Amino acid sequence: MQRTRPGIWIYYAAALAVFAIDFVSKKIIKQSMDINEEISVIGNFFLITSVRNRGAAFSILQEQRVFFLVITIVIVTAIVWYLQRTHRTGRPVMLAALSLVLGGAVGNFLDRALYGEVVDFLQLNFGSYTFPIFNLADCAITVGVALILLDALLLSGNEKKGQANHDERTEEENPV
């Protein structure tokens, strides 16, 4: 029995869900917290801290708004192109991963385009080390990229296994 692949709409729906959750969470933070206000969730380990970021991940490349807008447009265009081209034959893990990246990228893009900055609010502390504050779009992008890497490793493993099987069959057919 052949398994049917989900339609492309499921991947866009996933991206839209990521975007919507990120959008609502940032609105809640902006409306209910002052900048630099902290709310402890789990002691000093996990806090909700309202900050604004004019750069990229880990606050690098501050004040490069146009650069990030252009790069995001290129990335979003590439993801949409890839989804359109491969959704029928593509690998589900890869397509789901791209949906996460797409939703997160559009979420941060909207903030940068409208306000020139991104709302970040998730803070993790490990002893005296504070991990850079991030948001749900960043989480989706990170998980998406991790799944892309996992998919690439799985594909590489399958290709090696397929090559080994092919080599064994060739040796059986053509003994030396």
Protein backbone atom coordinates (compact mmCIF):
# COMPACT_ATOMS: atom_id res chain seq x y z
CA MET A 1 0.00 0.00 0.00
CA GLN A 2 1.44 3.32 -1.10
CA ARG A 3 1.52 6.16 1.39
CA THR A 4 0.20 9.47 0.10
CA ARG A 5 2.21 12.61 0.60
CA PRO A 6 0.53 15.62 2.18
CA GLY A 7 -0.33 18.48 -0.14
CA ILE A 8 1.86 21.53 -0.24
CA TRP A 9 -0.74 23.44 1.77
CA ILE A 10 0.28 21.55 4.92
CA TYR A 11 3.79 23.01 4.76
CA TYR A 12 2.51 26.54 4.24
CA ALA A 13 -0.01 26.01 7.05
CA ALA A 14 2.84 24.96 9.36
CA ALA A 15 4.82 28.07 8.39
CA LEU A 16 1.74 30.23 8.98
CA ALA A 17 1.22 28.63 12.41
CA VAL A 18 4.84 29.38 13.37
CA PHE A 19 4.44 32.95 12.15
CA ALA A 20 1.14 33.44 14.04
CA ILE A 21 2.45 32.04 17.33
CA ASP A 22 5.58 34.19 17.07
CA PHE A 23 3.55 37.29 16.15
CA VAL A 24 1.11 36.88 19.05
CA SER A 25 3.88 36.15 21.56
CA LYS A 26 5.78 39.30 20.55
CA LYS A 27 2.61 41.41 20.75
CA ILE A 28 1.92 40.13 24.26
CA ILE A 29 5.48 40.96 25.36
CA LYS A 30 5.38 44.44 23.80
CA GLN A 31 2.00 45.28 25.35
CA SER A 32 2.50 43.81 28.80
CA MET A 33 6.17 44.39 29.62
CA ASP A 34 8.54 47.34 29.70
CA ILE A 35 11.90 47.00 27.96
CA ASN A 36 14.38 45.13 30.20
CA GLU A 37 11.60 44.00 32.54
CA GLU A 38 12.11 40.43 33.75
CA ILE A 39 9.67 37.76 34.88
CA SER A 40 11.11 34.64 36.48
CA VAL A 41 9.63 31.43 35.11
CA ILE A 42 12.05 28.88 36.61
CA GLY A 43 14.16 30.65 39.21
CA ASN A 44 17.14 32.35 37.60
CA PHE A 45 17.43 29.61 34.93
CA PHE A 46 14.55 30.68 32.66
CA LEU A 47 13.23 34.23 32.52
CA ILE A 48 10.96 36.22 30.26
CA THR A 49 12.95 39.39 29.59
CA SER A 50 11.67 42.04 27.19
CA VAL A 51 14.47 43.34 24.95
CA ARG A 52 14.80 44.68 21.40
CA ASN A 53 17.43 43.47 18.98
CA ARG A 54 18.51 45.52 15.96
CA GLY A 55 20.91 42.79 14.81
CA ALA A 56 20.86 39.09 14.04
CA ALA A 57 21.19 36.04 16.24
CA PHE A 58 23.19 36.76 19.39
CA SER A 59 22.79 40.48 18.60
CA ILE A 60 25.53 40.42 15.96
CA LEU A 61 25.59 42.89 13.06
CA GLN A 62 23.63 45.59 14.86
CA GLU A 63 21.97 48.30 12.74
CA GLN A 64 22.14 46.28 9.49
CA ARG A 65 18.39 46.42 8.82
CA VAL A 66 18.53 46.66 5.00
CA PHE A 67 21.03 43.80 4.82
CA PHE A 68 18.75 41.54 6.90
CA LEU A 69 15.66 42.50 4.95
CA VAL A 70 17.34 41.66 1.62
CA ILE A 71 18.84 38.40 2.91
CA THR A 72 15.47 37.34 4.35
CA ILE A 73 13.70 38.04 1.05
CA VAL A 74 16.28 35.90 -0.76
CA ILE A 75 15.96 33.06 1.79
CA VAL A 76 12.15 33.15 1.82
CA THR A 77 12.08 33.16 -1.99
CA ALA A 78 14.45 30.17 -2.10
CA ILE A 79 12.38 28.23 0.44
CA VAL A 80 9.10 28.89 -1.41
CA TRP A 81 10.75 27.91 -4.71
CA TYR A 82 12.08 24.69 -3.19
CA LEU A 83 8.76 23.82 -1.57
CA GLN A 84 6.91 24.39 -4.84
CA ARG A 85 9.39 22.36 -6.81
CA THR A 86 9.83 19.37 -4.51
CA HIS A 87 6.73 18.98 -2.34
CA ARG A 88 5.52 15.93 -4.29
CA THR A 89 8.85 14.13 -4.32
CA GLY A 90 10.65 15.84 -1.46
CA ARG A 91 11.55 14.33 1.85
CA PRO A 92 8.95 15.12 4.55
CA VAL A 93 11.53 15.93 7.25
CA MET A 94 13.23 18.44 4.93
CA LEU A 95 9.95 20.02 3.90
CA ALA A 96 8.75 20.32 7.51
CA ALA A 97 12.12 21.82 8.47
CA LEU A 98 11.84 24.39 5.70
CA SER A 99 8.34 25.27 6.93
CA LEU A 100 9.75 26.05 10.37
CA VAL A 101 12.52 28.19 8.89
CA LEU A 102 10.02 29.96 6.61
CA GLY A 103 7.61 30.81 9.44
CA GLY A 104 10.42 32.01 11.72
CA ALA A 105 12.12 34.04 8.99
CA VAL A 106 8.88 35.81 8.06
CA GLY A 107 8.16 36.48 11.75
CA ASN A 108 11.48 38.23 12.31
CA PHE A 109 11.27 39.91 8.89
CA LEU A 110 7.97 41.57 9.82
CA ASP A 111 9.48 43.00 13.01
CA ARG A 112 12.52 44.33 11.15
CA ALA A 113 10.47 45.76 8.29
CA LEU A 114 7.90 47.51 10.51
CA TYR A 115 9.93 48.49 13.57
CA GLY A 116 13.61 48.19 12.63
CA GLU A 117 14.12 45.74 15.48
CA VAL A 118 13.07 42.31 16.68
CA VAL A 119 11.33 41.62 19.99
CA ASP A 120 13.31 39.02 21.97
CA PHE A 121 12.17 37.70 25.33
CA LEU A 122 13.32 34.16 26.14
CA GLN A 123 16.31 34.19 28.45
CA LEU A 124 18.24 31.16 29.71
CA ASN A 125 20.96 31.34 32.35
CA PHE A 126 23.46 28.58 33.00
CA GLY A 127 25.19 29.54 36.23
CA SER A 128 26.98 32.80 35.52
CA TYR A 129 26.51 32.45 31.73
CA THR A 130 23.48 34.12 30.15
CA PHE A 131 22.57 32.74 26.74
CA PRO A 132 21.64 35.54 24.29
CA ILE A 133 17.93 36.38 24.59
CA PHE A 134 15.81 35.05 21.72
CA ASN A 135 12.19 34.63 20.54
CA LEU A 136 9.93 31.90 19.18
CA ALA A 137 10.85 32.67 15.55
CA ASP A 138 14.48 32.02 16.48
CA CYS A 139 13.43 28.71 18.06
CA ALA A 140 11.61 27.66 14.88
CA ILE A 141 14.57 28.63 12.70
CA THR A 142 16.99 26.74 14.96
CA VAL A 143 14.86 23.59 15.08
CA GLY A 144 14.32 23.84 11.31
CA VAL A 145 18.05 24.10 10.62
CA ALA A 146 18.73 21.18 12.99
CA LEU A 147 16.16 19.09 11.10
CA ILE A 148 17.74 20.08 7.77
CA LEU A 149 21.10 18.84 9.07
CA LEU A 150 19.49 15.63 10.39
CA ASP A 151 17.81 15.06 7.04
CA ALA A 152 21.12 15.59 5.24
CA LEU A 153 22.83 13.06 7.53
CA LEU A 154 20.03 10.53 7.01
CA LEU A 155 20.15 11.05 3.25
CA SER A 156 23.93 10.67 3.25
CA GLY A 157 23.61 7.43 5.23
CA ASN A 158 20.95 6.10 2.86
CA GLU A 159 23.06 6.99 -0.17
CA LYS A 160 26.08 5.17 1.29
CA LYS A 161 23.90 2.17 2.12
CA GLY A 162 22.43 2.24 -1.39
CA GLN A 163 25.91 2.46 -2.94
CA ALA A 164 27.12 -0.45 -0.82
CA ASN A 165 24.12 -2.55 -1.92
CA HIS A 166 24.77 -1.57 -5.53
CA ASP A 167 28.45 -2.52 -5.23
CA GLU A 168 27.54 -5.90 -3.72
CA ARG A 169 25.09 -6.63 -6.57
CA THR A 170 27.68 -5.59 -9.17
CA GLU A 171 30.29 -7.95 -7.63
CA GLU A 172 27.78 -10.85 -7.60
CA GLU A 173 26.88 -10.22 -11.24
CA ASN A 174 30.49 -9.78 -12.41
CA PRO A 175 32.78 -12.05 -10.38
CA VAL A 176 36.48 -11.44 -10.87
